[in-house]
Amino acid sequence: MDPTIINDKILFRFSIFMAFLLCLPMVVTFVFEDFFSFLTGIYPLTGKGLFGVLTAPFIHADWSHLAGNISALFILYLVLFNNFHPMAWVVILLSYIVPGFWTWLFARAAWHVGASMMVYSLASFVFFAGIFSGHTRLMALSLFVVFMYGGIFWGIFPTLPEISWEGHLSGFLLGILLAFFYRKDIRNLYPKKEYFEDEEPGGEDDNEEPNENGEQ
């Protein structure tokens, strides 16, 4: 069997395992939330709310809220590890911390909870990584993100008062910045294929008829 195929299978299995492993703590936290009384949301420009930058992604209002975020995160983690493995950990770590910190700095005075800001950051990164790279495979992933999560991008606008659009917008902007920052690394990871490599530079014809002096 082609070693490339074997490596792709190993990477895909690893990606599934990591996606499961990273989603598991959110489920455990929700089920046993009574034992995690230290968890708090993000409340802008307050000391307790600043601690919420680390804990808010683990807090969800109900099973529906959790299921929506977990299902999206699982797929996005899988896509990241399987297609952007050299920078996947950094992207995930920054998506966990930075949108929450921006929310703490700039959001309206209210409690902001949930992992949706991470969802927005990762989805935005995958989408714009495909746009900036111009690679066919990554462009297909961009279309996949639009198909799966296109509707969530309305969440970056202040439509419903109970939704933290500031957290969504923070994640969305971070995803763009990360995709732009890593654009060269992604292009190196997915170089565009050059076709017609046998052709001579300048398009010269090897079968050109000799001139009157017998020279080709």
C-alpha atoms as a PDB file:
ATOM      1  CA  MET A   1       0.000   0.000   0.000  1.00  0.00           C
ATOM      2  CA  ASP A   2       1.135   3.533  -0.756  1.00  0.00           C
ATOM      3  CA  PRO A   3       2.874   5.000   2.357  1.00  0.00           C
ATOM      4  CA  THR A   4       1.065   8.286   1.725  1.00  0.00           C
ATOM      5  CA  ILE A   5      -2.305   6.548   2.069  1.00  0.00           C
ATOM      6  CA  ILE A   6      -1.159   4.876   5.296  1.00  0.00           C
ATOM      7  CA  ASN A   7       0.008   8.200   6.737  1.00  0.00           C
ATOM      8  CA  ASP A   8      -3.270   9.865   5.746  1.00  0.00           C
ATOM      9  CA  LYS A   9      -5.222   7.139   7.555  1.00  0.00           C
ATOM     10  CA  ILE A  10      -3.087   7.497  10.678  1.00  0.00           C
ATOM     11  CA  LEU A  11      -3.526  11.274  10.633  1.00  0.00           C
ATOM     12  CA  PHE A  12      -7.285  10.948  10.171  1.00  0.00           C
ATOM     13  CA  ARG A  13      -7.586   8.530  13.099  1.00  0.00           C
ATOM     14  CA  PHE A  14      -5.434  10.821  15.229  1.00  0.00           C
ATOM     15  CA  SER A  15      -7.650  13.768  14.249  1.00  0.00           C
ATOM     16  CA  ILE A  16     -10.799  11.921  15.307  1.00  0.00           C
ATOM     17  CA  PHE A  17      -9.208  10.958  18.615  1.00  0.00           C
ATOM     18  CA  MET A  18      -8.069  14.520  19.361  1.00  0.00           C
ATOM     19  CA  ALA A  19     -11.449  15.981  18.387  1.00  0.00           C
ATOM     20  CA  PHE A  20     -13.151  13.566  20.789  1.00  0.00           C
ATOM     21  CA  LEU A  21     -10.604  14.252  23.538  1.00  0.00           C
ATOM     22  CA  LEU A  22     -10.978  18.038  23.293  1.00  0.00           C
ATOM     23  CA  CYS A  23     -14.778  17.943  23.290  1.00  0.00           C
ATOM     24  CA  LEU A  24     -15.047  15.538  26.223  1.00  0.00           C
ATOM     25  CA  PRO A  25     -14.223  18.059  29.028  1.00  0.00           C
ATOM     26  CA  MET A  26     -17.108  20.323  27.973  1.00  0.00           C
ATOM     27  CA  VAL A  27     -19.563  17.440  28.199  1.00  0.00           C
ATOM     28  CA  VAL A  28     -18.177  16.280  31.563  1.00  0.00           C
ATOM     29  CA  THR A  29     -18.292  19.839  32.917  1.00  0.00           C
ATOM     30  CA  PHE A  30     -21.906  20.282  31.862  1.00  0.00           C
ATOM     31  CA  VAL A  31     -23.012  16.968  33.371  1.00  0.00           C
ATOM     32  CA  PHE A  32     -21.220  17.574  36.677  1.00  0.00           C
ATOM     33  CA  GLU A  33     -21.511  21.359  36.773  1.00  0.00           C
ATOM     34  CA  ASP A  34     -22.549  21.299  40.435  1.00  0.00           C
ATOM     35  CA  PHE A  35     -19.030  20.130  41.283  1.00  0.00           C
ATOM     36  CA  PHE A  36     -17.399  22.985  39.383  1.00  0.00           C
ATOM     37  CA  SER A  37     -18.662  25.991  41.299  1.00  0.00           C
ATOM     38  CA  PHE A  38     -15.553  28.008  40.377  1.00  0.00           C
ATOM     39  CA  LEU A  39     -16.691  28.220  36.749  1.00  0.00           C
ATOM     40  CA  THR A  40     -17.821  31.675  35.734  1.00  0.00           C
ATOM     41  CA  GLY A  41     -18.690  33.536  32.579  1.00  0.00           C
ATOM     42  CA  ILE A  42     -17.067  36.612  31.108  1.00  0.00           C
ATOM     43  CA  TYR A  43     -18.235  39.913  32.540  1.00  0.00           C
ATOM     44  CA  PRO A  44     -16.399  42.806  30.849  1.00  0.00           C
ATOM     45  CA  LEU A  45     -13.826  44.809  32.776  1.00  0.00           C
ATOM     46  CA  THR A  46     -14.241  42.985  36.087  1.00  0.00           C
ATOM     47  CA  GLY A  47     -11.788  40.753  37.944  1.00  0.00           C
ATOM     48  CA  LYS A  48     -14.165  37.803  38.205  1.00  0.00           C
ATOM     49  CA  GLY A  49     -15.181  38.267  34.613  1.00  0.00           C
ATOM     50  CA  LEU A  50     -11.532  38.139  33.544  1.00  0.00           C
ATOM     51  CA  PHE A  51     -11.199  34.668  35.080  1.00  0.00           C
ATOM     52  CA  GLY A  52     -14.171  33.764  32.942  1.00  0.00           C
ATOM     53  CA  VAL A  53     -11.971  34.051  29.860  1.00  0.00           C
ATOM     54  CA  LEU A  54     -10.618  30.630  30.877  1.00  0.00           C
ATOM     55  CA  THR A  55     -13.856  29.068  32.074  1.00  0.00           C
ATOM     56  CA  ALA A  56     -16.672  30.567  29.993  1.00  0.00           C
ATOM     57  CA  PRO A  57     -16.238  28.093  27.064  1.00  0.00           C
ATOM     58  CA  PHE A  58     -17.185  25.284  29.479  1.00  0.00           C
ATOM     59  CA  ILE A  59     -20.486  26.879  30.548  1.00  0.00           C
ATOM     60  CA  HIS A  60     -23.657  26.214  28.553  1.00  0.00           C
ATOM     61  CA  ALA A  61     -27.248  27.138  29.243  1.00  0.00           C
ATOM     62  CA  ASP A  62     -28.805  23.784  28.310  1.00  0.00           C
ATOM     63  CA  TRP A  63     -28.271  20.586  26.330  1.00  0.00           C
ATOM     64  CA  SER A  64     -29.278  22.278  23.091  1.00  0.00           C
ATOM     65  CA  HIS A  65     -26.678  25.008  23.581  1.00  0.00           C
ATOM     66  CA  LEU A  66     -24.015  22.413  24.399  1.00  0.00           C
ATOM     67  CA  ALA A  67     -24.934  20.093  21.519  1.00  0.00           C
ATOM     68  CA  GLY A  68     -24.763  22.898  18.977  1.00  0.00           C
ATOM     69  CA  ASN A  69     -21.286  23.952  20.071  1.00  0.00           C
ATOM     70  CA  ILE A  70     -19.907  20.449  20.619  1.00  0.00           C
ATOM     71  CA  SER A  71     -21.032  19.144  17.226  1.00  0.00           C
ATOM     72  CA  ALA A  72     -19.474  22.143  15.456  1.00  0.00           C
ATOM     73  CA  LEU A  73     -16.258  21.959  17.479  1.00  0.00           C
ATOM     74  CA  PHE A  74     -15.842  18.230  16.858  1.00  0.00           C
ATOM     75  CA  ILE A  75     -16.002  18.700  13.090  1.00  0.00           C
ATOM     76  CA  LEU A  76     -13.765  21.779  13.145  1.00  0.00           C
ATOM     77  CA  TYR A  77     -11.180  20.073  15.369  1.00  0.00           C
ATOM     78  CA  LEU A  78     -11.203  17.138  12.968  1.00  0.00           C
ATOM     79  CA  VAL A  79     -10.700  19.436   9.979  1.00  0.00           C
ATOM     80  CA  LEU A  80      -7.886  21.327  11.730  1.00  0.00           C
ATOM     81  CA  PHE A  81      -5.847  18.317  12.813  1.00  0.00           C
ATOM     82  CA  ASN A  82      -6.378  16.509   9.526  1.00  0.00           C
ATOM     83  CA  ASN A  83      -5.589  19.443   7.225  1.00  0.00           C
ATOM     84  CA  PHE A  84      -3.662  22.050   9.248  1.00  0.00           C
ATOM     85  CA  HIS A  85      -1.804  19.846  11.717  1.00  0.00           C
ATOM     86  CA  PRO A  86       1.430  21.934  11.911  1.00  0.00           C
ATOM     87  CA  MET A  87      -0.458  24.937  13.308  1.00  0.00           C
ATOM     88  CA  ALA A  88      -3.586  23.267  14.716  1.00  0.00           C
ATOM     89  CA  TRP A  89      -2.618  23.485  18.401  1.00  0.00           C
ATOM     90  CA  VAL A  90      -1.679  27.163  18.231  1.00  0.00           C
ATOM     91  CA  VAL A  91      -4.886  28.035  16.381  1.00  0.00           C
ATOM     92  CA  ILE A  92      -6.998  26.142  18.922  1.00  0.00           C
ATOM     93  CA  LEU A  93      -5.208  27.638  21.935  1.00  0.00           C
ATOM     94  CA  LEU A  94      -5.505  31.202  20.634  1.00  0.00           C
ATOM     95  CA  SER A  95      -9.148  30.595  19.696  1.00  0.00           C
ATOM     96  CA  TYR A  96      -9.754  29.496  23.280  1.00  0.00           C
ATOM     97  CA  ILE A  97      -8.213  32.566  24.913  1.00  0.00           C
ATOM     98  CA  VAL A  98      -8.151  35.595  22.600  1.00  0.00           C
ATOM     99  CA  PRO A  99     -11.861  35.962  21.668  1.00  0.00           C
ATOM    100  CA  GLY A 100     -12.788  35.732  25.334  1.00  0.00           C
ATOM    101  CA  PHE A 101     -10.241  38.375  26.265  1.00  0.00           C
ATOM    102  CA  TRP A 102     -11.475  40.698  23.507  1.00  0.00           C
ATOM    103  CA  THR A 103     -15.013  40.110  24.744  1.00  0.00           C
ATOM    104  CA  TRP A 104     -13.906  41.030  28.266  1.00  0.00           C
ATOM    105  CA  LEU A 105     -12.380  44.252  26.934  1.00  0.00           C
ATOM    106  CA  PHE A 106     -15.058  45.485  24.545  1.00  0.00           C
ATOM    107  CA  ALA A 107     -18.384  43.707  25.096  1.00  0.00           C
ATOM    108  CA  ARG A 108     -21.469  45.189  26.703  1.00  0.00           C
ATOM    109  CA  ALA A 109     -22.041  44.748  30.432  1.00  0.00           C
ATOM    110  CA  ALA A 110     -23.515  41.245  30.612  1.00  0.00           C
ATOM    111  CA  TRP A 111     -22.442  37.666  31.286  1.00  0.00           C
ATOM    112  CA  HIS A 112     -21.012  35.941  28.222  1.00  0.00           C
ATOM    113  CA  VAL A 113     -20.767  32.129  28.253  1.00  0.00           C
ATOM    114  CA  GLY A 114     -20.356  29.219  25.871  1.00  0.00           C
ATOM    115  CA  ALA A 115     -17.826  27.897  23.370  1.00  0.00           C
ATOM    116  CA  SER A 116     -19.426  29.560  20.368  1.00  0.00           C
ATOM    117  CA  MET A 117     -16.649  32.163  20.172  1.00  0.00           C
ATOM    118  CA  MET A 118     -14.257  29.253  19.565  1.00  0.00           C
ATOM    119  CA  VAL A 119     -16.581  27.882  16.902  1.00  0.00           C
ATOM    120  CA  TYR A 120     -16.565  31.215  15.113  1.00  0.00           C
ATOM    121  CA  SER A 121     -12.792  31.501  15.302  1.00  0.00           C
ATOM    122  CA  LEU A 122     -12.094  28.006  13.964  1.00  0.00           C
ATOM    123  CA  ALA A 123     -14.746  28.211  11.250  1.00  0.00           C
ATOM    124  CA  SER A 124     -13.429  31.591  10.165  1.00  0.00           C
ATOM    125  CA  PHE A 125      -9.852  30.269  10.094  1.00  0.00           C
ATOM    126  CA  VAL A 126     -10.742  27.253   7.928  1.00  0.00           C
ATOM    127  CA  PHE A 127     -12.794  29.393   5.556  1.00  0.00           C
ATOM    128  CA  PHE A 128     -10.224  32.132   5.044  1.00  0.00           C
ATOM    129  CA  ALA A 129      -7.288  29.693   4.959  1.00  0.00           C
ATOM    130  CA  GLY A 130      -8.875  28.266   1.831  1.00  0.00           C
ATOM    131  CA  ILE A 131      -9.473  31.722   0.392  1.00  0.00           C
ATOM    132  CA  PHE A 132      -5.934  32.958   1.045  1.00  0.00           C
ATOM    133  CA  SER A 133      -4.224  29.765  -0.144  1.00  0.00           C
ATOM    134  CA  GLY A 134      -6.159  29.314  -3.372  1.00  0.00           C
ATOM    135  CA  HIS A 135      -5.538  25.551  -3.116  1.00  0.00           C
ATOM    136  CA  THR A 136      -8.293  23.336  -4.491  1.00  0.00           C
ATOM    137  CA  ARG A 137      -8.502  21.090  -1.428  1.00  0.00           C
ATOM    138  CA  LEU A 138      -8.664  24.012   0.999  1.00  0.00           C
ATOM    139  CA  MET A 139     -11.124  25.879  -1.197  1.00  0.00           C
ATOM    140  CA  ALA A 140     -13.342  22.810  -0.953  1.00  0.00           C
ATOM    141  CA  LEU A 141     -13.062  23.019   2.840  1.00  0.00           C
ATOM    142  CA  SER A 142     -14.070  26.679   2.632  1.00  0.00           C
ATOM    143  CA  LEU A 143     -17.182  25.688   0.699  1.00  0.00           C
ATOM    144  CA  PHE A 144     -17.834  22.968   3.276  1.00  0.00           C
ATOM    145  CA  VAL A 145     -17.720  25.569   6.071  1.00  0.00           C
ATOM    146  CA  VAL A 146     -20.143  27.790   4.154  1.00  0.00           C
ATOM    147  CA  PHE A 147     -22.476  24.825   3.603  1.00  0.00           C
ATOM    148  CA  MET A 148     -22.341  23.623   7.213  1.00  0.00           C
ATOM    149  CA  TYR A 149     -22.062  26.886   9.138  1.00  0.00           C
ATOM    150  CA  GLY A 150     -22.956  29.671   6.730  1.00  0.00           C
ATOM    151  CA  GLY A 151     -25.957  30.625   8.831  1.00  0.00           C
ATOM    152  CA  ILE A 152     -23.891  31.214  11.960  1.00  0.00           C
ATOM    153  CA  PHE A 153     -22.145  34.206  10.422  1.00  0.00           C
ATOM    154  CA  TRP A 154     -25.292  36.228  11.076  1.00  0.00           C
ATOM    155  CA  GLY A 155     -24.326  35.827  14.730  1.00  0.00           C
ATOM    156  CA  ILE A 156     -21.576  38.442  14.414  1.00  0.00           C
ATOM    157  CA  PHE A 157     -24.274  41.117  14.234  1.00  0.00           C
ATOM    158  CA  PRO A 158     -26.318  42.399  17.216  1.00  0.00           C
ATOM    159  CA  THR A 159     -29.582  40.690  16.332  1.00  0.00           C
ATOM    160  CA  LEU A 160     -30.748  39.065  19.582  1.00  0.00           C
ATOM    161  CA  PRO A 161     -29.952  40.552  23.025  1.00  0.00           C
ATOM    162  CA  GLU A 162     -29.444  37.118  24.614  1.00  0.00           C
ATOM    163  CA  ILE A 163     -26.692  36.181  22.120  1.00  0.00           C
ATOM    164  CA  SER A 164     -23.107  37.307  22.679  1.00  0.00           C
ATOM    165  CA  TRP A 165     -22.524  38.723  19.217  1.00  0.00           C
ATOM    166  CA  GLU A 166     -19.395  40.424  20.596  1.00  0.00           C
ATOM    167  CA  GLY A 167     -17.861  37.026  21.368  1.00  0.00           C
ATOM    168  CA  HIS A 168     -18.882  35.747  17.938  1.00  0.00           C
ATOM    169  CA  LEU A 169     -17.392  38.769  16.208  1.00  0.00           C
ATOM    170  CA  SER A 170     -14.181  38.461  18.246  1.00  0.00           C
ATOM    171  CA  GLY A 171     -13.803  34.839  17.182  1.00  0.00           C
ATOM    172  CA  PHE A 172     -14.593  35.636  13.560  1.00  0.00           C
ATOM    173  CA  LEU A 173     -11.969  38.395  13.400  1.00  0.00           C
ATOM    174  CA  LEU A 174      -9.334  36.250  15.090  1.00  0.00           C
ATOM    175  CA  GLY A 175      -9.927  33.484  12.540  1.00  0.00           C
ATOM    176  CA  ILE A 176      -9.254  35.934   9.711  1.00  0.00           C
ATOM    177  CA  LEU A 177      -6.046  37.180  11.382  1.00  0.00           C
ATOM    178  CA  LEU A 178      -4.769  33.646  11.999  1.00  0.00           C
ATOM    179  CA  ALA A 179      -5.517  32.564   8.429  1.00  0.00           C
ATOM    180  CA  PHE A 180      -3.683  35.626   7.130  1.00  0.00           C
ATOM    181  CA  PHE A 181      -0.733  35.090   9.485  1.00  0.00           C
ATOM    182  CA  TYR A 182      -0.342  31.434   8.472  1.00  0.00           C
ATOM    183  CA  ARG A 183      -1.050  31.963   4.768  1.00  0.00           C
ATOM    184  CA  LYS A 184       2.576  31.336   3.699  1.00  0.00           C
ATOM    185  CA  ASP A 185       2.909  28.257   5.898  1.00  0.00           C
ATOM    186  CA  ILE A 186      -0.338  26.912   4.460  1.00  0.00           C
ATOM    187  CA  ARG A 187       0.846  27.546   0.895  1.00  0.00           C
ATOM    188  CA  ASN A 188       4.059  25.670   1.696  1.00  0.00           C
ATOM    189  CA  LEU A 189       1.998  22.859   3.191  1.00  0.00           C
ATOM    190  CA  TYR A 190      -0.204  22.732   0.096  1.00  0.00           C
ATOM    191  CA  PRO A 191       1.892  23.879  -2.881  1.00  0.00           C
ATOM    192  CA  LYS A 192       0.017  24.293  -6.123  1.00  0.00           C
ATOM    193  CA  LYS A 193       0.809  21.562  -8.632  1.00  0.00           C
ATOM    194  CA  GLU A 194       2.680  22.575 -11.750  1.00  0.00           C
ATOM    195  CA  TYR A 195       1.487  20.905 -14.923  1.00  0.00           C
ATOM    196  CA  PHE A 196       3.163  20.442 -18.327  1.00  0.00           C
ATOM    197  CA  GLU A 197       6.585  20.256 -16.705  1.00  0.00           C
ATOM    198  CA  ASP A 198       8.036  18.509 -19.817  1.00  0.00           C
ATOM    199  CA  GLU A 199       7.594  21.594 -21.938  1.00  0.00           C
ATOM    200  CA  GLU A 200      10.667  23.621 -22.782  1.00  0.00           C
ATOM    201  CA  PRO A 201      10.806  27.165 -21.389  1.00  0.00           C
ATOM    202  CA  GLY A 202       9.485  29.680 -23.864  1.00  0.00           C
ATOM    203  CA  GLY A 203       7.364  27.050 -25.618  1.00  0.00           C
ATOM    204  CA  GLU A 204      10.025  26.141 -28.196  1.00  0.00           C
ATOM    205  CA  ASP A 205       9.119  23.332 -30.563  1.00  0.00           C
ATOM    206  CA  ASP A 206      11.645  20.480 -30.679  1.00  0.00           C
ATOM    207  CA  ASN A 207      10.354  19.501 -34.135  1.00  0.00           C
ATOM    208  CA  GLU A 208      11.013  22.902 -35.678  1.00  0.00           C
ATOM    209  CA  GLU A 209      12.051  22.639 -39.320  1.00  0.00           C
ATOM    210  CA  PRO A 210      15.708  23.522 -40.071  1.00  0.00           C
ATOM    211  CA  ASN A 211      16.297  26.842 -41.805  1.00  0.00           C
ATOM    212  CA  GLU A 212      18.043  27.230 -45.139  1.00  0.00           C
ATOM    213  CA  ASN A 213      21.479  27.087 -43.486  1.00  0.00           C
ATOM    214  CA  GLY A 214      20.656  23.692 -42.028  1.00  0.00           C
ATOM    215  CA  GLU A 215      20.251  25.106 -38.518  1.00  0.00           C
ATOM    216  CA  GLN A 216      17.232  24.417 -36.421  1.00  0.00           C
END
